[in-house]
Amino acid sequence: MAAHTRWTRLLEILGDQGHLDVLDAAEQLGCSAATVRRDLDELARQNLLTRTRGGAVVSTVAYDLPLRYKVARKADEKQRIARAAAELIPSGSTVGINGGTTTSEVARELAVRPEPTGGGGIALTVVTNAINIANELAVRPQIKIVVTGGVARPNSYELVGPLVDTVLRTLALDYTILGVDAVHPRFGAATHDESEAGANRALAECAGTVIVVADSSKLGRRAFAQVCETAAVSILVTDKEAPEDIVEEFTALGIDVLRV
């Protein structure tokens, strides 16, 4: 198993349990305890966890891992979700996309789909506060990219702060696709960081239709900062593992839920 894959798995275990034992982790990963100790020392050096005698515990940043460590989580589900969400966006639309692993997959799906007209014009206008998404789409001549201002947040590559509001206040979007850390029938869509929540809220408020993309692990959960109320969400795209009772709560509120 490659080092990066082990690091990702260790952080996933730590995020789920709140603590990690070297011997247990070595058994789960199928590697030696010495390898796990070295991995934990490296992750501690990156300030992603706190080392303890015989293991590690979460640090303040472990709840909000950098984007590069989230990519492998539920990768298949995220790709299916992204494909389904991209299919909801008609050619010629103006769509807002925030940062995140699932929304990055949506952006890639939009970038590679064939143009109905056969090429030559602008097929889509994308407004984003995610610099990684802007970077990937900027080379696509059929997509017009509009990037909000703001201060880059390294964990998610998102631009945040008052400059985001300044730009989005003057725009009208057909759709906004939101990736979130949690979405709850009563408490709405939310994320761990209040500055990200503010920028994402601005993207949602200027859209005619808000589409939330979230794998089943995020359903029925709450996070620190609300992005938007449940009533603001028109469509929720999730995976087939979404609990039936949670799905029924969302549909009872008038939200279209797509399980893919």
C-alpha atoms as a PDB file:
ATOM      1  CA  MET A   1       0.000   0.000   0.000  1.00  0.00           C
ATOM      2  CA  ALA A   2       1.395   3.396  -1.004  1.00  0.00           C
ATOM      3  CA  ALA A   3       2.232   5.891   1.733  1.00  0.00           C
ATOM      4  CA  HIS A   4      -0.401   8.422   0.620  1.00  0.00           C
ATOM      5  CA  THR A   5      -3.078   5.698   0.631  1.00  0.00           C
ATOM      6  CA  ARG A   6      -2.068   4.660   4.148  1.00  0.00           C
ATOM      7  CA  TRP A   7      -2.166   8.270   5.345  1.00  0.00           C
ATOM      8  CA  THR A   8      -5.646   8.734   3.919  1.00  0.00           C
ATOM      9  CA  ARG A   9      -6.876   5.533   5.563  1.00  0.00           C
ATOM     10  CA  LEU A  10      -5.315   6.457   8.914  1.00  0.00           C
ATOM     11  CA  LEU A  11      -7.004   9.856   8.838  1.00  0.00           C
ATOM     12  CA  GLU A  12     -10.329   8.228   7.960  1.00  0.00           C
ATOM     13  CA  ILE A  13     -10.049   5.865  10.933  1.00  0.00           C
ATOM     14  CA  LEU A  14      -9.067   8.738  13.176  1.00  0.00           C
ATOM     15  CA  GLY A  15     -11.948  10.869  11.937  1.00  0.00           C
ATOM     16  CA  ASP A  16     -14.434   8.062  12.624  1.00  0.00           C
ATOM     17  CA  GLN A  17     -13.126   7.000  16.046  1.00  0.00           C
ATOM     18  CA  GLY A  18     -11.466  10.129  17.440  1.00  0.00           C
ATOM     19  CA  HIS A  19      -8.398   8.109  18.464  1.00  0.00           C
ATOM     20  CA  LEU A  20      -6.134   5.506  16.932  1.00  0.00           C
ATOM     21  CA  ASP A  21      -4.039   2.640  18.331  1.00  0.00           C
ATOM     22  CA  VAL A  22      -0.867   1.696  16.449  1.00  0.00           C
ATOM     23  CA  LEU A  23      -1.373  -2.070  16.694  1.00  0.00           C
ATOM     24  CA  ASP A  24      -5.044  -1.917  15.676  1.00  0.00           C
ATOM     25  CA  ALA A  25      -4.215   0.355  12.756  1.00  0.00           C
ATOM     26  CA  ALA A  26      -1.413  -1.933  11.609  1.00  0.00           C
ATOM     27  CA  GLU A  27      -3.832  -4.871  11.576  1.00  0.00           C
ATOM     28  CA  GLN A  28      -6.458  -2.926   9.610  1.00  0.00           C
ATOM     29  CA  LEU A  29      -3.929  -1.678   7.053  1.00  0.00           C
ATOM     30  CA  GLY A  30      -2.030  -4.953   6.768  1.00  0.00           C
ATOM     31  CA  CYS A  31       1.343  -3.388   7.498  1.00  0.00           C
ATOM     32  CA  SER A  32       3.857  -3.331  10.344  1.00  0.00           C
ATOM     33  CA  ALA A  33       3.469  -1.313  13.528  1.00  0.00           C
ATOM     34  CA  ALA A  34       6.758   0.409  12.708  1.00  0.00           C
ATOM     35  CA  THR A  35       5.300   1.631   9.414  1.00  0.00           C
ATOM     36  CA  VAL A  36       2.210   2.995  11.171  1.00  0.00           C
ATOM     37  CA  ARG A  37       4.383   4.798  13.726  1.00  0.00           C
ATOM     38  CA  ARG A  38       6.374   6.469  10.943  1.00  0.00           C
ATOM     39  CA  ASP A  39       3.147   7.430   9.163  1.00  0.00           C
ATOM     40  CA  LEU A  40       1.698   8.933  12.333  1.00  0.00           C
ATOM     41  CA  ASP A  41       4.879  10.864  12.967  1.00  0.00           C
ATOM     42  CA  GLU A  42       4.678  12.320   9.438  1.00  0.00           C
ATOM     43  CA  LEU A  43       0.989  13.230   9.802  1.00  0.00           C
ATOM     44  CA  ALA A  44       1.751  14.857  13.142  1.00  0.00           C
ATOM     45  CA  ARG A  45       4.507  16.856  11.455  1.00  0.00           C
ATOM     46  CA  GLN A  46       1.851  18.118   9.024  1.00  0.00           C
ATOM     47  CA  ASN A  47      -0.367  19.082  11.999  1.00  0.00           C
ATOM     48  CA  LEU A  48      -3.070  16.638  10.911  1.00  0.00           C
ATOM     49  CA  LEU A  49      -3.175  14.728  14.215  1.00  0.00           C
ATOM     50  CA  THR A  50      -1.694  14.681  17.716  1.00  0.00           C
ATOM     51  CA  ARG A  51       0.583  11.810  18.665  1.00  0.00           C
ATOM     52  CA  THR A  52      -0.004   9.966  21.927  1.00  0.00           C
ATOM     53  CA  ARG A  53       1.765   7.079  23.612  1.00  0.00           C
ATOM     54  CA  GLY A  54       0.860   4.104  21.420  1.00  0.00           C
ATOM     55  CA  GLY A  55      -1.234   5.980  18.880  1.00  0.00           C
ATOM     56  CA  ALA A  56      -2.820   9.309  18.021  1.00  0.00           C
ATOM     57  CA  VAL A  57      -5.865  11.481  18.651  1.00  0.00           C
ATOM     58  CA  VAL A  58      -7.594  14.055  16.506  1.00  0.00           C
ATOM     59  CA  SER A  59      -6.274  17.580  16.443  1.00  0.00           C
ATOM     60  CA  THR A  60      -8.300  20.676  15.628  1.00  0.00           C
ATOM     61  CA  VAL A  61      -7.697  20.246  11.882  1.00  0.00           C
ATOM     62  CA  ALA A  62      -8.499  16.551  11.729  1.00  0.00           C
ATOM     63  CA  TYR A  63     -12.218  17.278  11.566  1.00  0.00           C
ATOM     64  CA  ASP A  64     -11.686  19.326   8.422  1.00  0.00           C
ATOM     65  CA  LEU A  65      -9.064  17.461   6.422  1.00  0.00           C
ATOM     66  CA  PRO A  66      -7.298  19.065   3.467  1.00  0.00           C
ATOM     67  CA  LEU A  67      -8.971  18.299   0.155  1.00  0.00           C
ATOM     68  CA  ARG A  68      -6.128  16.058  -1.007  1.00  0.00           C
ATOM     69  CA  TYR A  69      -6.870  13.642   1.864  1.00  0.00           C
ATOM     70  CA  LYS A  70     -10.591  13.469   1.133  1.00  0.00           C
ATOM     71  CA  VAL A  71     -10.409  12.435  -2.524  1.00  0.00           C
ATOM     72  CA  ALA A  72     -10.279   8.693  -1.868  1.00  0.00           C
ATOM     73  CA  ARG A  73     -13.303   8.645   0.439  1.00  0.00           C
ATOM     74  CA  LYS A  74     -16.335   7.078  -1.262  1.00  0.00           C
ATOM     75  CA  ALA A  75     -14.727   7.776  -4.650  1.00  0.00           C
ATOM     76  CA  ASP A  76     -17.108   5.565  -6.641  1.00  0.00           C
ATOM     77  CA  GLU A  77     -20.187   7.076  -5.030  1.00  0.00           C
ATOM     78  CA  LYS A  78     -18.910  10.610  -5.645  1.00  0.00           C
ATOM     79  CA  GLN A  79     -18.320   9.908  -9.319  1.00  0.00           C
ATOM     80  CA  ARG A  80     -21.849   8.556  -9.749  1.00  0.00           C
ATOM     81  CA  ILE A  81     -23.281  11.519  -7.860  1.00  0.00           C
ATOM     82  CA  ALA A  82     -21.250  13.918  -9.990  1.00  0.00           C
ATOM     83  CA  ARG A  83     -22.389  12.325 -13.233  1.00  0.00           C
ATOM     84  CA  ALA A  84     -26.042  12.537 -12.197  1.00  0.00           C
ATOM     85  CA  ALA A  85     -25.702  16.157 -11.073  1.00  0.00           C
ATOM     86  CA  ALA A  86     -23.991  17.202 -14.304  1.00  0.00           C
ATOM     87  CA  GLU A  87     -26.851  15.694 -16.294  1.00  0.00           C
ATOM     88  CA  LEU A  88     -29.244  18.099 -14.537  1.00  0.00           C
ATOM     89  CA  ILE A  89     -27.484  21.144 -16.036  1.00  0.00           C
ATOM     90  CA  PRO A  90     -28.740  22.080 -19.526  1.00  0.00           C
ATOM     91  CA  SER A  91     -26.363  23.427 -22.123  1.00  0.00           C
ATOM     92  CA  GLY A  92     -26.185  27.218 -22.093  1.00  0.00           C
ATOM     93  CA  SER A  93     -26.801  27.493 -18.348  1.00  0.00           C
ATOM     94  CA  THR A  94     -24.989  29.620 -15.837  1.00  0.00           C
ATOM     95  CA  VAL A  95     -23.994  27.452 -12.886  1.00  0.00           C
ATOM     96  CA  GLY A  96     -22.259  28.173  -9.595  1.00  0.00           C
ATOM     97  CA  ILE A  97     -19.974  25.509  -8.102  1.00  0.00           C
ATOM     98  CA  ASN A  98     -18.314  25.635  -4.705  1.00  0.00           C
ATOM     99  CA  GLY A  99     -15.216  23.727  -3.639  1.00  0.00           C
ATOM    100  CA  GLY A 100     -15.009  20.107  -2.524  1.00  0.00           C
ATOM    101  CA  THR A 101     -14.221  16.636  -3.782  1.00  0.00           C
ATOM    102  CA  THR A 102     -17.704  15.881  -5.134  1.00  0.00           C
ATOM    103  CA  THR A 103     -18.145  19.269  -6.785  1.00  0.00           C
ATOM    104  CA  SER A 104     -14.707  18.908  -8.372  1.00  0.00           C
ATOM    105  CA  GLU A 105     -15.973  15.670  -9.919  1.00  0.00           C
ATOM    106  CA  VAL A 106     -19.081  17.507 -11.143  1.00  0.00           C
ATOM    107  CA  ALA A 107     -16.869  20.111 -12.809  1.00  0.00           C
ATOM    108  CA  ARG A 108     -14.905  17.375 -14.583  1.00  0.00           C
ATOM    109  CA  GLU A 109     -18.133  15.781 -15.825  1.00  0.00           C
ATOM    110  CA  LEU A 110     -19.306  19.123 -17.191  1.00  0.00           C
ATOM    111  CA  ALA A 111     -15.942  19.676 -18.877  1.00  0.00           C
ATOM    112  CA  VAL A 112     -15.917  16.448 -20.861  1.00  0.00           C
ATOM    113  CA  ARG A 113     -19.504  16.130 -21.951  1.00  0.00           C
ATOM    114  CA  PRO A 114     -20.138  16.650 -25.690  1.00  0.00           C
ATOM    115  CA  GLU A 115     -21.511  19.971 -26.887  1.00  0.00           C
ATOM    116  CA  PRO A 116     -24.994  19.699 -28.473  1.00  0.00           C
ATOM    117  CA  THR A 117     -24.061  22.230 -31.148  1.00  0.00           C
ATOM    118  CA  GLY A 118     -20.892  20.406 -32.149  1.00  0.00           C
ATOM    119  CA  GLY A 119     -18.480  23.016 -30.815  1.00  0.00           C
ATOM    120  CA  GLY A 120     -17.442  26.564 -31.485  1.00  0.00           C
ATOM    121  CA  GLY A 121     -19.444  28.453 -28.851  1.00  0.00           C
ATOM    122  CA  ILE A 122     -19.807  28.787 -25.106  1.00  0.00           C
ATOM    123  CA  ALA A 123     -21.709  25.741 -23.855  1.00  0.00           C
ATOM    124  CA  LEU A 124     -21.709  26.705 -20.200  1.00  0.00           C
ATOM    125  CA  THR A 125     -20.802  29.547 -17.863  1.00  0.00           C
ATOM    126  CA  VAL A 126     -19.335  28.404 -14.543  1.00  0.00           C
ATOM    127  CA  VAL A 127     -19.017  30.740 -11.563  1.00  0.00           C
ATOM    128  CA  THR A 128     -16.830  29.302  -8.820  1.00  0.00           C
ATOM    129  CA  ASN A 129     -14.957  30.261  -5.692  1.00  0.00           C
ATOM    130  CA  ALA A 130     -12.769  27.138  -5.952  1.00  0.00           C
ATOM    131  CA  ILE A 131      -9.391  27.837  -7.515  1.00  0.00           C
ATOM    132  CA  ASN A 132      -8.737  24.168  -8.318  1.00  0.00           C
ATOM    133  CA  ILE A 133     -11.992  23.963 -10.294  1.00  0.00           C
ATOM    134  CA  ALA A 134     -11.213  27.212 -12.106  1.00  0.00           C
ATOM    135  CA  ASN A 135      -7.763  25.865 -12.961  1.00  0.00           C
ATOM    136  CA  GLU A 136      -9.174  22.656 -14.453  1.00  0.00           C
ATOM    137  CA  LEU A 137     -11.904  24.353 -16.473  1.00  0.00           C
ATOM    138  CA  ALA A 138      -9.908  27.365 -17.684  1.00  0.00           C
ATOM    139  CA  VAL A 139      -8.385  25.319 -20.520  1.00  0.00           C
ATOM    140  CA  ARG A 140     -11.820  24.309 -21.841  1.00  0.00           C
ATOM    141  CA  PRO A 141     -12.764  26.771 -24.594  1.00  0.00           C
ATOM    142  CA  GLN A 142     -16.441  25.778 -24.471  1.00  0.00           C
ATOM    143  CA  ILE A 143     -16.721  26.840 -20.812  1.00  0.00           C
ATOM    144  CA  LYS A 144     -16.658  30.446 -19.663  1.00  0.00           C
ATOM    145  CA  ILE A 145     -15.104  30.704 -16.202  1.00  0.00           C
ATOM    146  CA  VAL A 146     -15.920  33.438 -13.705  1.00  0.00           C
ATOM    147  CA  VAL A 147     -13.896  33.336 -10.473  1.00  0.00           C
ATOM    148  CA  THR A 148     -15.015  35.198  -7.374  1.00  0.00           C
ATOM    149  CA  GLY A 149     -12.540  37.281  -5.439  1.00  0.00           C
ATOM    150  CA  GLY A 150     -11.556  36.385  -1.932  1.00  0.00           C
ATOM    151  CA  VAL A 151      -8.846  34.875   0.242  1.00  0.00           C
ATOM    152  CA  ALA A 152      -7.791  31.300  -0.590  1.00  0.00           C
ATOM    153  CA  ARG A 153      -8.437  28.740   2.134  1.00  0.00           C
ATOM    154  CA  PRO A 154      -5.773  26.005   1.775  1.00  0.00           C
ATOM    155  CA  ASN A 155      -7.856  23.119   3.143  1.00  0.00           C
ATOM    156  CA  SER A 156     -10.466  23.363   0.395  1.00  0.00           C
ATOM    157  CA  TYR A 157      -8.918  25.668  -2.244  1.00  0.00           C
ATOM    158  CA  GLU A 158     -11.972  27.909  -1.808  1.00  0.00           C
ATOM    159  CA  LEU A 159     -11.962  31.687  -1.908  1.00  0.00           C
ATOM    160  CA  VAL A 160     -13.735  33.158   1.095  1.00  0.00           C
ATOM    161  CA  GLY A 161     -14.423  36.552   2.649  1.00  0.00           C
ATOM    162  CA  PRO A 162     -16.322  39.733   1.752  1.00  0.00           C
ATOM    163  CA  LEU A 163     -14.951  39.925  -1.796  1.00  0.00           C
ATOM    164  CA  VAL A 164     -16.984  36.817  -2.652  1.00  0.00           C
ATOM    165  CA  ASP A 165     -20.193  38.565  -1.636  1.00  0.00           C
ATOM    166  CA  THR A 166     -19.215  41.687  -3.583  1.00  0.00           C
ATOM    167  CA  VAL A 167     -18.939  39.730  -6.840  1.00  0.00           C
ATOM    168  CA  LEU A 168     -21.928  37.409  -6.373  1.00  0.00           C
ATOM    169  CA  ARG A 169     -24.267  40.209  -5.337  1.00  0.00           C
ATOM    170  CA  THR A 170     -24.248  41.402  -8.965  1.00  0.00           C
ATOM    171  CA  LEU A 171     -24.818  37.988 -10.591  1.00  0.00           C
ATOM    172  CA  ALA A 172     -27.819  35.786 -11.333  1.00  0.00           C
ATOM    173  CA  LEU A 173     -27.230  32.039 -11.701  1.00  0.00           C
ATOM    174  CA  ASP A 174     -29.514  29.399 -13.156  1.00  0.00           C
ATOM    175  CA  TYR A 175     -28.126  26.703 -10.880  1.00  0.00           C
ATOM    176  CA  THR A 176     -25.747  26.328  -7.956  1.00  0.00           C
ATOM    177  CA  ILE A 177     -24.197  22.962  -7.159  1.00  0.00           C
ATOM    178  CA  LEU A 178     -23.170  22.764  -3.510  1.00  0.00           C
ATOM    179  CA  GLY A 179     -20.873  20.275  -1.873  1.00  0.00           C
ATOM    180  CA  VAL A 180     -21.386  20.256   1.909  1.00  0.00           C
ATOM    181  CA  ASP A 181     -20.105  18.489   5.017  1.00  0.00           C
ATOM    182  CA  ALA A 182     -23.591  17.735   6.324  1.00  0.00           C
ATOM    183  CA  VAL A 183     -27.217  18.037   5.261  1.00  0.00           C
ATOM    184  CA  HIS A 184     -30.096  17.586   7.692  1.00  0.00           C
ATOM    185  CA  PRO A 185     -33.869  17.736   7.095  1.00  0.00           C
ATOM    186  CA  ARG A 186     -34.315  20.280   9.909  1.00  0.00           C
ATOM    187  CA  PHE A 187     -30.995  22.077  10.059  1.00  0.00           C
ATOM    188  CA  GLY A 188     -30.235  22.376   6.346  1.00  0.00           C
ATOM    189  CA  ALA A 189     -26.914  22.182   4.553  1.00  0.00           C
ATOM    190  CA  ALA A 190     -23.795  22.987   6.552  1.00  0.00           C
ATOM    191  CA  THR A 191     -20.015  22.934   6.603  1.00  0.00           C
ATOM    192  CA  HIS A 192     -17.314  22.926   9.267  1.00  0.00           C
ATOM    193  CA  ASP A 193     -15.910  26.392   8.534  1.00  0.00           C
ATOM    194  CA  GLU A 194     -17.961  29.586   8.905  1.00  0.00           C
ATOM    195  CA  SER A 195     -16.024  31.463   6.209  1.00  0.00           C
ATOM    196  CA  GLU A 196     -16.698  28.710   3.676  1.00  0.00           C
ATOM    197  CA  ALA A 197     -20.339  28.661   4.738  1.00  0.00           C
ATOM    198  CA  GLY A 198     -20.648  32.385   4.030  1.00  0.00           C
ATOM    199  CA  ALA A 199     -19.185  32.091   0.539  1.00  0.00           C
ATOM    200  CA  ASN A 200     -21.298  29.048  -0.280  1.00  0.00           C
ATOM    201  CA  ARG A 201     -24.409  30.776   1.046  1.00  0.00           C
ATOM    202  CA  ALA A 202     -23.788  33.631  -1.362  1.00  0.00           C
ATOM    203  CA  LEU A 203     -23.574  31.159  -4.258  1.00  0.00           C
ATOM    204  CA  ALA A 204     -26.872  29.584  -3.197  1.00  0.00           C
ATOM    205  CA  GLU A 205     -28.709  32.882  -2.758  1.00  0.00           C
ATOM    206  CA  CYS A 206     -28.116  34.058  -6.326  1.00  0.00           C
ATOM    207  CA  ALA A 207     -29.250  30.787  -7.943  1.00  0.00           C
ATOM    208  CA  GLY A 208     -32.655  29.850  -9.277  1.00  0.00           C
ATOM    209  CA  THR A 209     -32.130  26.172  -8.409  1.00  0.00           C
ATOM    210  CA  VAL A 210     -29.874  24.816  -5.664  1.00  0.00           C
ATOM    211  CA  ILE A 211     -28.547  21.274  -6.080  1.00  0.00           C
ATOM    212  CA  VAL A 212     -26.791  19.696  -3.098  1.00  0.00           C
ATOM    213  CA  VAL A 213     -24.418  16.826  -3.845  1.00  0.00           C
ATOM    214  CA  ALA A 214     -23.657  14.692  -0.777  1.00  0.00           C
ATOM    215  CA  ASP A 215     -22.857  11.034  -0.264  1.00  0.00           C
ATOM    216  CA  SER A 216     -24.959   9.068   2.216  1.00  0.00           C
ATOM    217  CA  SER A 217     -22.467   9.506   5.078  1.00  0.00           C
ATOM    218  CA  LYS A 218     -23.366  13.214   5.220  1.00  0.00           C
ATOM    219  CA  LEU A 219     -27.151  12.803   5.365  1.00  0.00           C
ATOM    220  CA  GLY A 220     -28.920  13.438   8.651  1.00  0.00           C
ATOM    221  CA  ARG A 221     -25.790  15.023  10.105  1.00  0.00           C
ATOM    222  CA  ARG A 222     -25.108  18.509  11.416  1.00  0.00           C
ATOM    223  CA  ALA A 223     -22.011  20.668  11.009  1.00  0.00           C
ATOM    224  CA  PHE A 224     -20.886  23.889  12.657  1.00  0.00           C
ATOM    225  CA  ALA A 225     -21.920  26.549  10.111  1.00  0.00           C
ATOM    226  CA  GLN A 226     -25.140  26.557   8.099  1.00  0.00           C
ATOM    227  CA  VAL A 227     -24.846  27.192   4.365  1.00  0.00           C
ATOM    228  CA  CYS A 228     -28.584  27.363   3.677  1.00  0.00           C
ATOM    229  CA  GLU A 229     -31.876  26.238   5.110  1.00  0.00           C
ATOM    230  CA  THR A 230     -33.425  23.008   3.885  1.00  0.00           C
ATOM    231  CA  ALA A 231     -36.152  24.973   2.111  1.00  0.00           C
ATOM    232  CA  ALA A 232     -33.547  26.563  -0.149  1.00  0.00           C
ATOM    233  CA  VAL A 233     -32.537  23.177  -1.595  1.00  0.00           C
ATOM    234  CA  SER A 234     -34.404  22.035  -4.699  1.00  0.00           C
ATOM    235  CA  ILE A 235     -32.578  18.776  -5.471  1.00  0.00           C
ATOM    236  CA  LEU A 236     -30.422  16.447  -3.374  1.00  0.00           C
ATOM    237  CA  VAL A 237     -28.189  14.015  -5.254  1.00  0.00           C
ATOM    238  CA  THR A 238     -26.833  11.189  -3.101  1.00  0.00           C
ATOM    239  CA  ASP A 239     -25.928   7.503  -3.362  1.00  0.00           C
ATOM    240  CA  LYS A 240     -27.974   4.329  -3.043  1.00  0.00           C
ATOM    241  CA  GLU A 241     -26.902   3.795   0.581  1.00  0.00           C
ATOM    242  CA  ALA A 242     -28.909   6.815   1.719  1.00  0.00           C
ATOM    243  CA  PRO A 243     -31.180   5.749   4.627  1.00  0.00           C
ATOM    244  CA  GLU A 244     -34.800   5.454   3.572  1.00  0.00           C
ATOM    245  CA  ASP A 245     -36.154   7.331   6.593  1.00  0.00           C
ATOM    246  CA  ILE A 246     -33.871  10.316   5.970  1.00  0.00           C
ATOM    247  CA  VAL A 247     -34.782  10.355   2.278  1.00  0.00           C
ATOM    248  CA  GLU A 248     -38.476  10.351   3.169  1.00  0.00           C
ATOM    249  CA  GLU A 249     -37.961  13.357   5.441  1.00  0.00           C
ATOM    250  CA  PHE A 250     -36.345  15.295   2.595  1.00  0.00           C
ATOM    251  CA  THR A 251     -39.020  14.351   0.055  1.00  0.00           C
ATOM    252  CA  ALA A 252     -41.764  15.327   2.517  1.00  0.00           C
ATOM    253  CA  LEU A 253     -40.239  18.815   2.485  1.00  0.00           C
ATOM    254  CA  GLY A 254     -40.595  19.011  -1.299  1.00  0.00           C
ATOM    255  CA  ILE A 255     -36.974  18.203  -2.163  1.00  0.00           C
ATOM    256  CA  ASP A 256     -36.314  15.930  -5.133  1.00  0.00           C
ATOM    257  CA  VAL A 257     -33.892  13.223  -3.978  1.00  0.00           C
ATOM    258  CA  LEU A 258     -31.882  11.324  -6.581  1.00  0.00           C
ATOM    259  CA  ARG A 259     -30.157   8.171  -5.361  1.00  0.00           C
ATOM    260  CA  VAL A 260     -27.548   6.929  -7.824  1.00  0.00           C
END
